[in-house]
Amino acid sequence: MKDLKWQMKGRRSEKLTERFVGSYKVKEIISSNAIELELPKSIRIHPVVNVSRVQLYRPQVKGQKKTPPKLVIIKREEEFEVEKIINKRTVRGKKKFLVR
């Protein structure tokens, strides 16, 4: 499901919240526009939602990395090993790099 306002509680910015929440089973198809979902009790919303709010679950793409790379410790400081610098920019006088 997307765009649930309940997930905003305790968050500083709406743009930093998850775009989609969970993967839930469809309990019943109410009509061509509405379905009922099996939601946990911790989610306090109505279980019947419009089909435009639901997307088909897609598993993780093969080869996609979910875990961050391992740290390399050099001179007692944690660093990441950089494969390639993709882009760079300056923000408020500090250089920032997009790396792979």
PDB file of N, CA and C in Angstrom:
ATOM      1  N   MET A   1       0.846  -1.164   0.000  1.00  0.00           N
ATOM      2  CA  MET A   1       0.000   0.000   0.000  1.00  0.00           C
ATOM      3  C   MET A   1       0.891   1.225   0.000  1.00  0.00           C
ATOM      4  N   LYS A   2       0.437   2.295  -0.573  1.00  0.00           N
ATOM      5  CA  LYS A   2       1.262   3.487  -0.634  1.00  0.00           C
ATOM      6  C   LYS A   2       0.556   4.678  -0.005  1.00  0.00           C
ATOM      7  N   ASP A   3       1.357   5.654   0.362  1.00  0.00           N
ATOM      8  CA  ASP A   3       0.851   6.933   0.854  1.00  0.00           C
ATOM      9  C   ASP A   3      -0.024   6.820   2.097  1.00  0.00           C
ATOM     10  N   LEU A   4       0.368   6.037   3.071  1.00  0.00           N
ATOM     11  CA  LEU A   4      -0.403   5.952   4.303  1.00  0.00           C
ATOM     12  C   LEU A   4       0.087   7.018   5.260  1.00  0.00           C
ATOM     13  N   LYS A   5      -0.820   7.870   5.717  1.00  0.00           N
ATOM     14  CA  LYS A   5      -0.441   8.971   6.595  1.00  0.00           C
ATOM     15  C   LYS A   5      -0.055   8.497   7.989  1.00  0.00           C
ATOM     16  N   TRP A   6      -0.521   7.315   8.405  1.00  0.00           N
ATOM     17  CA  TRP A   6      -0.196   6.830   9.742  1.00  0.00           C
ATOM     18  C   TRP A   6       1.287   6.574   9.896  1.00  0.00           C
ATOM     19  N   GLN A   7       1.983   6.304   8.804  1.00  0.00           N
ATOM     20  CA  GLN A   7       3.412   6.026   8.894  1.00  0.00           C
ATOM     21  C   GLN A   7       4.228   7.302   9.118  1.00  0.00           C
ATOM     22  N   MET A   8       3.588   8.467   9.068  1.00  0.00           N
ATOM     23  CA  MET A   8       4.287   9.729   9.231  1.00  0.00           C
ATOM     24  C   MET A   8       4.550  10.078  10.691  1.00  0.00           C
ATOM     25  N   LYS A   9       3.896   9.431  11.618  1.00  0.00           N
ATOM     26  CA  LYS A   9       4.049   9.772  13.027  1.00  0.00           C
ATOM     27  C   LYS A   9       5.499   9.566  13.459  1.00  0.00           C
ATOM     28  N   GLY A  10       6.088  10.608  14.017  1.00  0.00           N
ATOM     29  CA  GLY A  10       7.465  10.525  14.489  1.00  0.00           C
ATOM     30  C   GLY A  10       8.507  10.734  13.409  1.00  0.00           C
ATOM     31  N   ARG A  11       8.098  11.040  12.202  1.00  0.00           N
ATOM     32  CA  ARG A  11       9.038  11.272  11.110  1.00  0.00           C
ATOM     33  C   ARG A  11       9.251  12.768  10.925  1.00  0.00           C
ATOM     34  N   ARG A  12      10.425  13.152  10.513  1.00  0.00           N
ATOM     35  CA  ARG A  12      10.711  14.568  10.320  1.00  0.00           C
ATOM     36  C   ARG A  12      10.227  15.071   8.962  1.00  0.00           C
ATOM     37  N   SER A  13      10.294  14.235   7.930  1.00  0.00           N
ATOM     38  CA  SER A  13       9.970  14.696   6.594  1.00  0.00           C
ATOM     39  C   SER A  13       9.168  13.636   5.852  1.00  0.00           C
ATOM     40  N   GLU A  14       8.153  14.066   5.142  1.00  0.00           N
ATOM     41  CA  GLU A  14       7.328  13.132   4.386  1.00  0.00           C
ATOM     42  C   GLU A  14       8.110  12.497   3.235  1.00  0.00           C
ATOM     43  N   LYS A  15       9.030  13.239   2.645  1.00  0.00           N
ATOM     44  CA  LYS A  15       9.751  12.701   1.493  1.00  0.00           C
ATOM     45  C   LYS A  15      10.768  11.624   1.877  1.00  0.00           C
ATOM     46  N   LEU A  16      11.072  11.493   3.170  1.00  0.00           N
ATOM     47  CA  LEU A  16      12.013  10.475   3.601  1.00  0.00           C
ATOM     48  C   LEU A  16      11.339   9.184   4.062  1.00  0.00           C
ATOM     49  N   THR A  17      10.022   9.132   4.030  1.00  0.00           N
ATOM     50  CA  THR A  17       9.321   7.917   4.452  1.00  0.00           C
ATOM     51  C   THR A  17       9.297   6.896   3.321  1.00  0.00           C
ATOM     52  N   GLU A  18       8.980   5.670   3.694  1.00  0.00           N
ATOM     53  CA  GLU A  18       8.898   4.612   2.696  1.00  0.00           C
ATOM     54  C   GLU A  18       7.762   4.903   1.728  1.00  0.00           C
ATOM     55  N   ARG A  19       7.969   4.550   0.483  1.00  0.00           N
ATOM     56  CA  ARG A  19       6.942   4.801  -0.518  1.00  0.00           C
ATOM     57  C   ARG A  19       5.836   3.748  -0.435  1.00  0.00           C
ATOM     58  N   PHE A  20       6.221   2.512  -0.165  1.00  0.00           N
ATOM     59  CA  PHE A  20       5.262   1.418  -0.054  1.00  0.00           C
ATOM     60  C   PHE A  20       5.481   0.716   1.280  1.00  0.00           C
ATOM     61  N   VAL A  21       4.410   0.178   1.839  1.00  0.00           N
ATOM     62  CA  VAL A  21       4.483  -0.446   3.151  1.00  0.00           C
ATOM     63  C   VAL A  21       4.053  -1.899   3.045  1.00  0.00           C
ATOM     64  N   GLY A  22       4.927  -2.800   3.449  1.00  0.00           N
ATOM     65  CA  GLY A  22       4.620  -4.215   3.602  1.00  0.00           C
ATOM     66  C   GLY A  22       4.141  -4.950   2.378  1.00  0.00           C
ATOM     67  N   SER A  23       3.988  -6.241   2.558  1.00  0.00           N
ATOM     68  CA  SER A  23       3.338  -7.087   1.564  1.00  0.00           C
ATOM     69  C   SER A  23       2.247  -7.838   2.322  1.00  0.00           C
ATOM     70  N   TYR A  24       0.997  -7.601   1.965  1.00  0.00           N
ATOM     71  CA  TYR A  24      -0.140  -8.165   2.673  1.00  0.00           C
ATOM     72  C   TYR A  24      -0.987  -8.986   1.721  1.00  0.00           C
ATOM     73  N   LYS A  25      -1.621 -10.010   2.260  1.00  0.00           N
ATOM     74  CA  LYS A  25      -2.478 -10.885   1.448  1.00  0.00           C
ATOM     75  C   LYS A  25      -3.840 -10.247   1.243  1.00  0.00           C
ATOM     76  N   VAL A  26      -4.410 -10.534   0.097  1.00  0.00           N
ATOM     77  CA  VAL A  26      -5.764 -10.068  -0.213  1.00  0.00           C
ATOM     78  C   VAL A  26      -6.734 -11.063   0.425  1.00  0.00           C
ATOM     79  N   LYS A  27      -7.572 -10.562   1.321  1.00  0.00           N
ATOM     80  CA  LYS A  27      -8.524 -11.401   2.031  1.00  0.00           C
ATOM     81  C   LYS A  27      -9.770 -11.642   1.190  1.00  0.00           C
ATOM     82  N   GLU A  28     -10.269 -10.574   0.552  1.00  0.00           N
ATOM     83  CA  GLU A  28     -11.495 -10.681  -0.236  1.00  0.00           C
ATOM     84  C   GLU A  28     -11.541  -9.559  -1.267  1.00  0.00           C
ATOM     85  N   ILE A  29     -12.073  -9.878  -2.444  1.00  0.00           N
ATOM     86  CA  ILE A  29     -12.305  -8.849  -3.460  1.00  0.00           C
ATOM     87  C   ILE A  29     -13.741  -8.375  -3.269  1.00  0.00           C
ATOM     88  N   ILE A  30     -13.888  -7.119  -2.851  1.00  0.00           N
ATOM     89  CA  ILE A  30     -15.209  -6.553  -2.560  1.00  0.00           C
ATOM     90  C   ILE A  30     -15.929  -6.172  -3.842  1.00  0.00           C
ATOM     91  N   SER A  31     -15.248  -5.425  -4.703  1.00  0.00           N
ATOM     92  CA  SER A  31     -15.807  -5.020  -5.999  1.00  0.00           C
ATOM     93  C   SER A  31     -14.636  -4.835  -6.959  1.00  0.00           C
ATOM     94  N   SER A  32     -14.934  -4.309  -8.126  1.00  0.00           N
ATOM     95  CA  SER A  32     -13.850  -4.089  -9.094  1.00  0.00           C
ATOM     96  C   SER A  32     -12.934  -2.950  -8.656  1.00  0.00           C
ATOM     97  N   ASN A  33     -13.356  -2.148  -7.692  1.00  0.00           N
ATOM     98  CA  ASN A  33     -12.556  -1.015  -7.218  1.00  0.00           C
ATOM     99  C   ASN A  33     -12.013  -1.188  -5.809  1.00  0.00           C
ATOM    100  N   ALA A  34     -12.488  -2.166  -5.051  1.00  0.00           N
ATOM    101  CA  ALA A  34     -12.087  -2.283  -3.644  1.00  0.00           C
ATOM    102  C   ALA A  34     -11.733  -3.717  -3.286  1.00  0.00           C
ATOM    103  N   ILE A  35     -10.711  -3.845  -2.414  1.00  0.00           N
ATOM    104  CA  ILE A  35     -10.318  -5.147  -1.898  1.00  0.00           C
ATOM    105  C   ILE A  35     -10.100  -5.042  -0.393  1.00  0.00           C
ATOM    106  N   GLU A  36     -10.253  -6.176   0.286  1.00  0.00           N
ATOM    107  CA  GLU A  36      -9.993  -6.214   1.719  1.00  0.00           C
ATOM    108  C   GLU A  36      -8.674  -6.945   1.938  1.00  0.00           C
ATOM    109  N   LEU A  37      -7.798  -6.352   2.764  1.00  0.00           N
ATOM    110  CA  LEU A  37      -6.467  -6.904   3.021  1.00  0.00           C
ATOM    111  C   LEU A  37      -6.393  -7.513   4.409  1.00  0.00           C
ATOM    112  N   GLU A  38      -5.515  -8.502   4.583  1.00  0.00           N
ATOM    113  CA  GLU A  38      -5.209  -9.060   5.894  1.00  0.00           C
ATOM    114  C   GLU A  38      -4.099  -8.211   6.492  1.00  0.00           C
ATOM    115  N   LEU A  39      -4.458  -7.293   7.375  1.00  0.00           N
ATOM    116  CA  LEU A  39      -3.490  -6.382   7.977  1.00  0.00           C
ATOM    117  C   LEU A  39      -3.216  -6.788   9.423  1.00  0.00           C
ATOM    118  N   PRO A  40      -2.000  -6.567   9.923  1.00  0.00           N
ATOM    119  CA  PRO A  40      -1.737  -6.832  11.345  1.00  0.00           C
ATOM    120  C   PRO A  40      -2.485  -5.829  12.213  1.00  0.00           C
ATOM    121  N   LYS A  41      -2.696  -6.193  13.472  1.00  0.00           N
ATOM    122  CA  LYS A  41      -3.457  -5.328  14.377  1.00  0.00           C
ATOM    123  C   LYS A  41      -2.728  -4.033  14.694  1.00  0.00           C
ATOM    124  N   SER A  42      -1.424  -4.010  14.496  1.00  0.00           N
ATOM    125  CA  SER A  42      -0.666  -2.782  14.778  1.00  0.00           C
ATOM    126  C   SER A  42      -0.975  -1.670  13.780  1.00  0.00           C
ATOM    127  N   ILE A  43      -1.462  -2.021  12.602  1.00  0.00           N
ATOM    128  CA  ILE A  43      -1.839  -1.023  11.597  1.00  0.00           C
ATOM    129  C   ILE A  43      -3.293  -0.670  11.814  1.00  0.00           C
ATOM    130  N   ARG A  44      -3.534   0.542  12.232  1.00  0.00           N
ATOM    131  CA  ARG A  44      -4.890   0.959  12.583  1.00  0.00           C
ATOM    132  C   ARG A  44      -5.540   1.743  11.445  1.00  0.00           C
ATOM    133  N   ILE A  45      -5.755   1.068  10.347  1.00  0.00           N
ATOM    134  CA  ILE A  45      -6.497   1.664   9.238  1.00  0.00           C
ATOM    135  C   ILE A  45      -7.574   0.673   8.824  1.00  0.00           C
ATOM    136  N   HIS A  46      -8.509   1.132   8.048  1.00  0.00           N
ATOM    137  CA  HIS A  46      -9.585   0.270   7.571  1.00  0.00           C
ATOM    138  C   HIS A  46      -8.994  -0.721   6.575  1.00  0.00           C
ATOM    139  N   PRO A  47      -9.332  -2.008   6.680  1.00  0.00           N
ATOM    140  CA  PRO A  47      -8.724  -3.013   5.804  1.00  0.00           C
ATOM    141  C   PRO A  47      -9.217  -2.991   4.365  1.00  0.00           C
ATOM    142  N   VAL A  48     -10.326  -2.297   4.084  1.00  0.00           N
ATOM    143  CA  VAL A  48     -10.829  -2.218   2.710  1.00  0.00           C
ATOM    144  C   VAL A  48     -10.222  -0.982   2.053  1.00  0.00           C
ATOM    145  N   VAL A  49      -9.493  -1.205   0.969  1.00  0.00           N
ATOM    146  CA  VAL A  49      -8.815  -0.115   0.281  1.00  0.00           C
ATOM    147  C   VAL A  49      -9.130  -0.153  -1.211  1.00  0.00           C
ATOM    148  N   ASN A  50      -8.927   0.971  -1.860  1.00  0.00           N
ATOM    149  CA  ASN A  50      -9.124   1.077  -3.296  1.00  0.00           C
ATOM    150  C   ASN A  50      -7.972   0.358  -4.005  1.00  0.00           C
ATOM    151  N   VAL A  51      -8.249  -0.247  -5.135  1.00  0.00           N
ATOM    152  CA  VAL A  51      -7.221  -0.989  -5.862  1.00  0.00           C
ATOM    153  C   VAL A  51      -6.104  -0.081  -6.376  1.00  0.00           C
ATOM    154  N   SER A  52      -6.359   1.214  -6.517  1.00  0.00           N
ATOM    155  CA  SER A  52      -5.316   2.128  -6.967  1.00  0.00           C
ATOM    156  C   SER A  52      -4.239   2.323  -5.901  1.00  0.00           C
ATOM    157  N   ARG A  53      -4.529   1.958  -4.647  1.00  0.00           N
ATOM    158  CA  ARG A  53      -3.572   2.083  -3.541  1.00  0.00           C
ATOM    159  C   ARG A  53      -2.696   0.845  -3.363  1.00  0.00           C
ATOM    160  N   VAL A  54      -2.916  -0.180  -4.182  1.00  0.00           N
ATOM    161  CA  VAL A  54      -2.227  -1.459  -4.019  1.00  0.00           C
ATOM    162  C   VAL A  54      -1.394  -1.751  -5.259  1.00  0.00           C
ATOM    163  N   GLN A  55      -0.209  -2.326  -5.032  1.00  0.00           N
ATOM    164  CA  GLN A  55       0.629  -2.770  -6.146  1.00  0.00           C
ATOM    165  C   GLN A  55       0.989  -4.226  -5.949  1.00  0.00           C
ATOM    166  N   LEU A  56       1.223  -4.923  -7.023  1.00  0.00           N
ATOM    167  CA  LEU A  56       1.620  -6.315  -6.989  1.00  0.00           C
ATOM    168  C   LEU A  56       3.014  -6.431  -6.377  1.00  0.00           C
ATOM    169  N   TYR A  57       3.211  -7.390  -5.466  1.00  0.00           N
ATOM    170  CA  TYR A  57       4.504  -7.600  -4.827  1.00  0.00           C
ATOM    171  C   TYR A  57       5.488  -8.160  -5.840  1.00  0.00           C
ATOM    172  N   ARG A  58       6.669  -7.584  -5.868  1.00  0.00           N
ATOM    173  CA  ARG A  58       7.744  -8.082  -6.718  1.00  0.00           C
ATOM    174  C   ARG A  58       8.926  -8.435  -5.833  1.00  0.00           C
ATOM    175  N   PRO A  59       9.440  -9.649  -5.937  1.00  0.00           N
ATOM    176  CA  PRO A  59      10.595 -10.005  -5.114  1.00  0.00           C
ATOM    177  C   PRO A  59      11.834  -9.228  -5.559  1.00  0.00           C
ATOM    178  N   GLN A  60      12.869  -9.289  -4.737  1.00  0.00           N
ATOM    179  CA  GLN A  60      14.107  -8.581  -5.038  1.00  0.00           C
ATOM    180  C   GLN A  60      14.715  -9.105  -6.337  1.00  0.00           C
ATOM    181  N   VAL A  61      15.251  -8.206  -7.134  1.00  0.00           N
ATOM    182  CA  VAL A  61      15.857  -8.554  -8.413  1.00  0.00           C
ATOM    183  C   VAL A  61      17.103  -9.386  -8.154  1.00  0.00           C
ATOM    184  N   LYS A  62      17.314 -10.432  -8.955  1.00  0.00           N
ATOM    185  CA  LYS A  62      18.478 -11.291  -8.790  1.00  0.00           C
ATOM    186  C   LYS A  62      19.758 -10.471  -8.989  1.00  0.00           C
ATOM    187  N   GLY A  63      20.659 -10.570  -8.047  1.00  0.00           N
ATOM    188  CA  GLY A  63      21.916  -9.831  -8.124  1.00  0.00           C
ATOM    189  C   GLY A  63      21.882  -8.478  -7.437  1.00  0.00           C
ATOM    190  N   GLN A  64      20.693  -8.030  -7.024  1.00  0.00           N
ATOM    191  CA  GLN A  64      20.571  -6.741  -6.338  1.00  0.00           C
ATOM    192  C   GLN A  64      21.083  -6.884  -4.908  1.00  0.00           C
ATOM    193  N   LYS A  65      21.927  -5.947  -4.486  1.00  0.00           N
ATOM    194  CA  LYS A  65      22.500  -6.014  -3.152  1.00  0.00           C
ATOM    195  C   LYS A  65      21.632  -5.238  -2.176  1.00  0.00           C
ATOM    196  N   LYS A  66      21.290  -5.882  -1.059  1.00  0.00           N
ATOM    197  CA  LYS A  66      20.490  -5.226  -0.055  1.00  0.00           C
ATOM    198  C   LYS A  66      21.352  -4.760   1.117  1.00  0.00           C
ATOM    199  N   THR A  67      22.474  -5.414   1.322  1.00  0.00           N
ATOM    200  CA  THR A  67      23.355  -5.065   2.428  1.00  0.00           C
ATOM    201  C   THR A  67      24.436  -4.096   1.950  1.00  0.00           C
ATOM    202  N   PRO A  68      24.832  -3.136   2.798  1.00  0.00           N
ATOM    203  CA  PRO A  68      25.900  -2.218   2.396  1.00  0.00           C
ATOM    204  C   PRO A  68      27.232  -2.954   2.317  1.00  0.00           C
ATOM    205  N   PRO A  69      28.191  -2.404   1.586  1.00  0.00           N
ATOM    206  CA  PRO A  69      29.491  -3.071   1.474  1.00  0.00           C
ATOM    207  C   PRO A  69      30.215  -3.097   2.814  1.00  0.00           C
ATOM    208  N   LYS A  70      31.183  -4.005   2.933  1.00  0.00           N
ATOM    209  CA  LYS A  70      31.946  -4.133   4.168  1.00  0.00           C
ATOM    210  C   LYS A  70      32.885  -2.943   4.331  1.00  0.00           C
ATOM    211  N   LEU A  71      33.128  -2.584   5.590  1.00  0.00           N
ATOM    212  CA  LEU A  71      34.027  -1.477   5.887  1.00  0.00           C
ATOM    213  C   LEU A  71      35.477  -1.909   5.765  1.00  0.00           C
ATOM    214  N   VAL A  72      36.312  -0.985   5.335  1.00  0.00           N
ATOM    215  CA  VAL A  72      37.756  -1.188   5.297  1.00  0.00           C
ATOM    216  C   VAL A  72      38.345  -0.253   6.338  1.00  0.00           C
ATOM    217  N   ILE A  73      39.119  -0.781   7.276  1.00  0.00           N
ATOM    218  CA  ILE A  73      39.687   0.056   8.336  1.00  0.00           C
ATOM    219  C   ILE A  73      41.124   0.413   7.979  1.00  0.00           C
ATOM    220  N   ILE A  74      41.353   1.725   7.805  1.00  0.00           N
ATOM    221  CA  ILE A  74      42.681   2.243   7.475  1.00  0.00           C
ATOM    222  C   ILE A  74      43.057   3.261   8.534  1.00  0.00           C
ATOM    223  N   LYS A  75      44.167   3.031   9.209  1.00  0.00           N
ATOM    224  CA  LYS A  75      44.659   3.936  10.255  1.00  0.00           C
ATOM    225  C   LYS A  75      43.574   4.241  11.284  1.00  0.00           C
ATOM    226  N   ARG A  76      42.894   3.206  11.768  1.00  0.00           N
ATOM    227  CA  ARG A  76      41.861   3.295  12.793  1.00  0.00           C
ATOM    228  C   ARG A  76      40.630   4.111  12.386  1.00  0.00           C
ATOM    229  N   GLU A  77      40.426   4.317  11.111  1.00  0.00           N
ATOM    230  CA  GLU A  77      39.244   5.008  10.615  1.00  0.00           C
ATOM    231  C   GLU A  77      38.501   4.085   9.661  1.00  0.00           C
ATOM    232  N   GLU A  78      37.179   4.073   9.780  1.00  0.00           N
ATOM    233  CA  GLU A  78      36.365   3.240   8.904  1.00  0.00           C
ATOM    234  C   GLU A  78      36.200   3.923   7.554  1.00  0.00           C
ATOM    235  N   GLU A  79      36.439   3.189   6.500  1.00  0.00           N
ATOM    236  CA  GLU A  79      36.304   3.721   5.146  1.00  0.00           C
ATOM    237  C   GLU A  79      35.696   2.644   4.255  1.00  0.00           C
ATOM    238  N   PHE A  80      35.112   3.070   3.149  1.00  0.00           N
ATOM    239  CA  PHE A  80      34.570   2.147   2.168  1.00  0.00           C
ATOM    240  C   PHE A  80      35.514   2.091   0.976  1.00  0.00           C
ATOM    241  N   GLU A  81      35.597   0.933   0.368  1.00  0.00           N
ATOM    242  CA  GLU A  81      36.410   0.782  -0.826  1.00  0.00           C
ATOM    243  C   GLU A  81      35.577   1.226  -2.024  1.00  0.00           C
ATOM    244  N   VAL A  82      36.075   2.193  -2.786  1.00  0.00           N
ATOM    245  CA  VAL A  82      35.341   2.786  -3.897  1.00  0.00           C
ATOM    246  C   VAL A  82      35.771   2.128  -5.199  1.00  0.00           C
ATOM    247  N   GLU A  83      34.780   1.638  -5.944  1.00  0.00           N
ATOM    248  CA  GLU A  83      35.056   1.014  -7.234  1.00  0.00           C
ATOM    249  C   GLU A  83      35.211   2.080  -8.326  1.00  0.00           C
ATOM    250  N   LYS A  84      34.308   3.098  -8.283  1.00  0.00           N
ATOM    251  CA  LYS A  84      34.295   4.101  -9.338  1.00  0.00           C
ATOM    252  C   LYS A  84      33.573   5.350  -8.840  1.00  0.00           C
ATOM    253  N   ILE A  85      34.077   6.545  -9.197  1.00  0.00           N
ATOM    254  CA  ILE A  85      33.383   7.799  -8.902  1.00  0.00           C
ATOM    255  C   ILE A  85      32.479   8.107 -10.091  1.00  0.00           C
ATOM    256  N   ILE A  86      31.176   8.158  -9.835  1.00  0.00           N
ATOM    257  CA  ILE A  86      30.200   8.352 -10.908  1.00  0.00           C
ATOM    258  C   ILE A  86      29.943   9.837 -11.161  1.00  0.00           C
ATOM    259  N   ASN A  87      29.838  10.638 -10.072  1.00  0.00           N
ATOM    260  CA  ASN A  87      29.529  12.050 -10.214  1.00  0.00           C
ATOM    261  C   ASN A  87      30.057  12.789  -8.994  1.00  0.00           C
ATOM    262  N   LYS A  88      30.243  14.123  -9.120  1.00  0.00           N
ATOM    263  CA  LYS A  88      30.630  14.933  -7.969  1.00  0.00           C
ATOM    264  C   LYS A  88      29.927  16.275  -8.046  1.00  0.00           C
ATOM    265  N   ARG A  89      29.733  16.900  -6.867  1.00  0.00           N
ATOM    266  CA  ARG A  89      29.118  18.212  -6.806  1.00  0.00           C
ATOM    267  C   ARG A  89      29.577  18.903  -5.530  1.00  0.00           C
ATOM    268  N   THR A  90      29.401  20.209  -5.485  1.00  0.00           N
ATOM    269  CA  THR A  90      29.766  20.986  -4.318  1.00  0.00           C
ATOM    270  C   THR A  90      28.487  21.525  -3.676  1.00  0.00           C
ATOM    271  N   VAL A  91      28.311  21.228  -2.388  1.00  0.00           N
ATOM    272  CA  VAL A  91      27.142  21.668  -1.635  1.00  0.00           C
ATOM    273  C   VAL A  91      27.641  22.444  -0.428  1.00  0.00           C
ATOM    274  N   ARG A  92      27.302  23.740  -0.388  1.00  0.00           N
ATOM    275  CA  ARG A  92      27.715  24.616   0.711  1.00  0.00           C
ATOM    276  C   ARG A  92      29.212  24.548   0.976  1.00  0.00           C
ATOM    277  N   GLY A  93      29.974  24.530  -0.083  1.00  0.00           N
ATOM    278  CA  GLY A  93      31.435  24.557   0.021  1.00  0.00           C
ATOM    279  C   GLY A  93      32.076  23.213   0.275  1.00  0.00           C
ATOM    280  N   LYS A  94      31.304  22.139   0.415  1.00  0.00           N
ATOM    281  CA  LYS A  94      31.855  20.808   0.634  1.00  0.00           C
ATOM    282  C   LYS A  94      31.634  19.952  -0.595  1.00  0.00           C
ATOM    283  N   LYS A  95      32.658  19.186  -0.961  1.00  0.00           N
ATOM    284  CA  LYS A  95      32.548  18.306  -2.122  1.00  0.00           C
ATOM    285  C   LYS A  95      31.847  17.028  -1.717  1.00  0.00           C
ATOM    286  N   LYS A  96      30.901  16.598  -2.563  1.00  0.00           N
ATOM    287  CA  LYS A  96      30.188  15.341  -2.354  1.00  0.00           C
ATOM    288  C   LYS A  96      30.345  14.490  -3.611  1.00  0.00           C
ATOM    289  N   PHE A  97      30.529  13.185  -3.397  1.00  0.00           N
ATOM    290  CA  PHE A  97      30.766  12.275  -4.509  1.00  0.00           C
ATOM    291  C   PHE A  97      29.723  11.182  -4.538  1.00  0.00           C
ATOM    292  N   LEU A  98      29.277  10.829  -5.751  1.00  0.00           N
ATOM    293  CA  LEU A  98      28.417   9.671  -5.973  1.00  0.00           C
ATOM    294  C   LEU A  98      29.337   8.561  -6.434  1.00  0.00           C
ATOM    295  N   VAL A  99      29.415   7.483  -5.638  1.00  0.00           N
ATOM    296  CA  VAL A  99      30.388   6.432  -5.923  1.00  0.00           C
ATOM    297  C   VAL A  99      29.704   5.097  -6.117  1.00  0.00           C
ATOM    298  N   ARG A 100      30.418   4.190  -6.710  1.00  0.00           N
ATOM    299  CA  ARG A 100      29.961   2.804  -6.861  1.00  0.00           C
ATOM    300  C   ARG A 100      30.897   1.946  -6.080  1.00  0.00           C
TER     301      ARG A 100
END
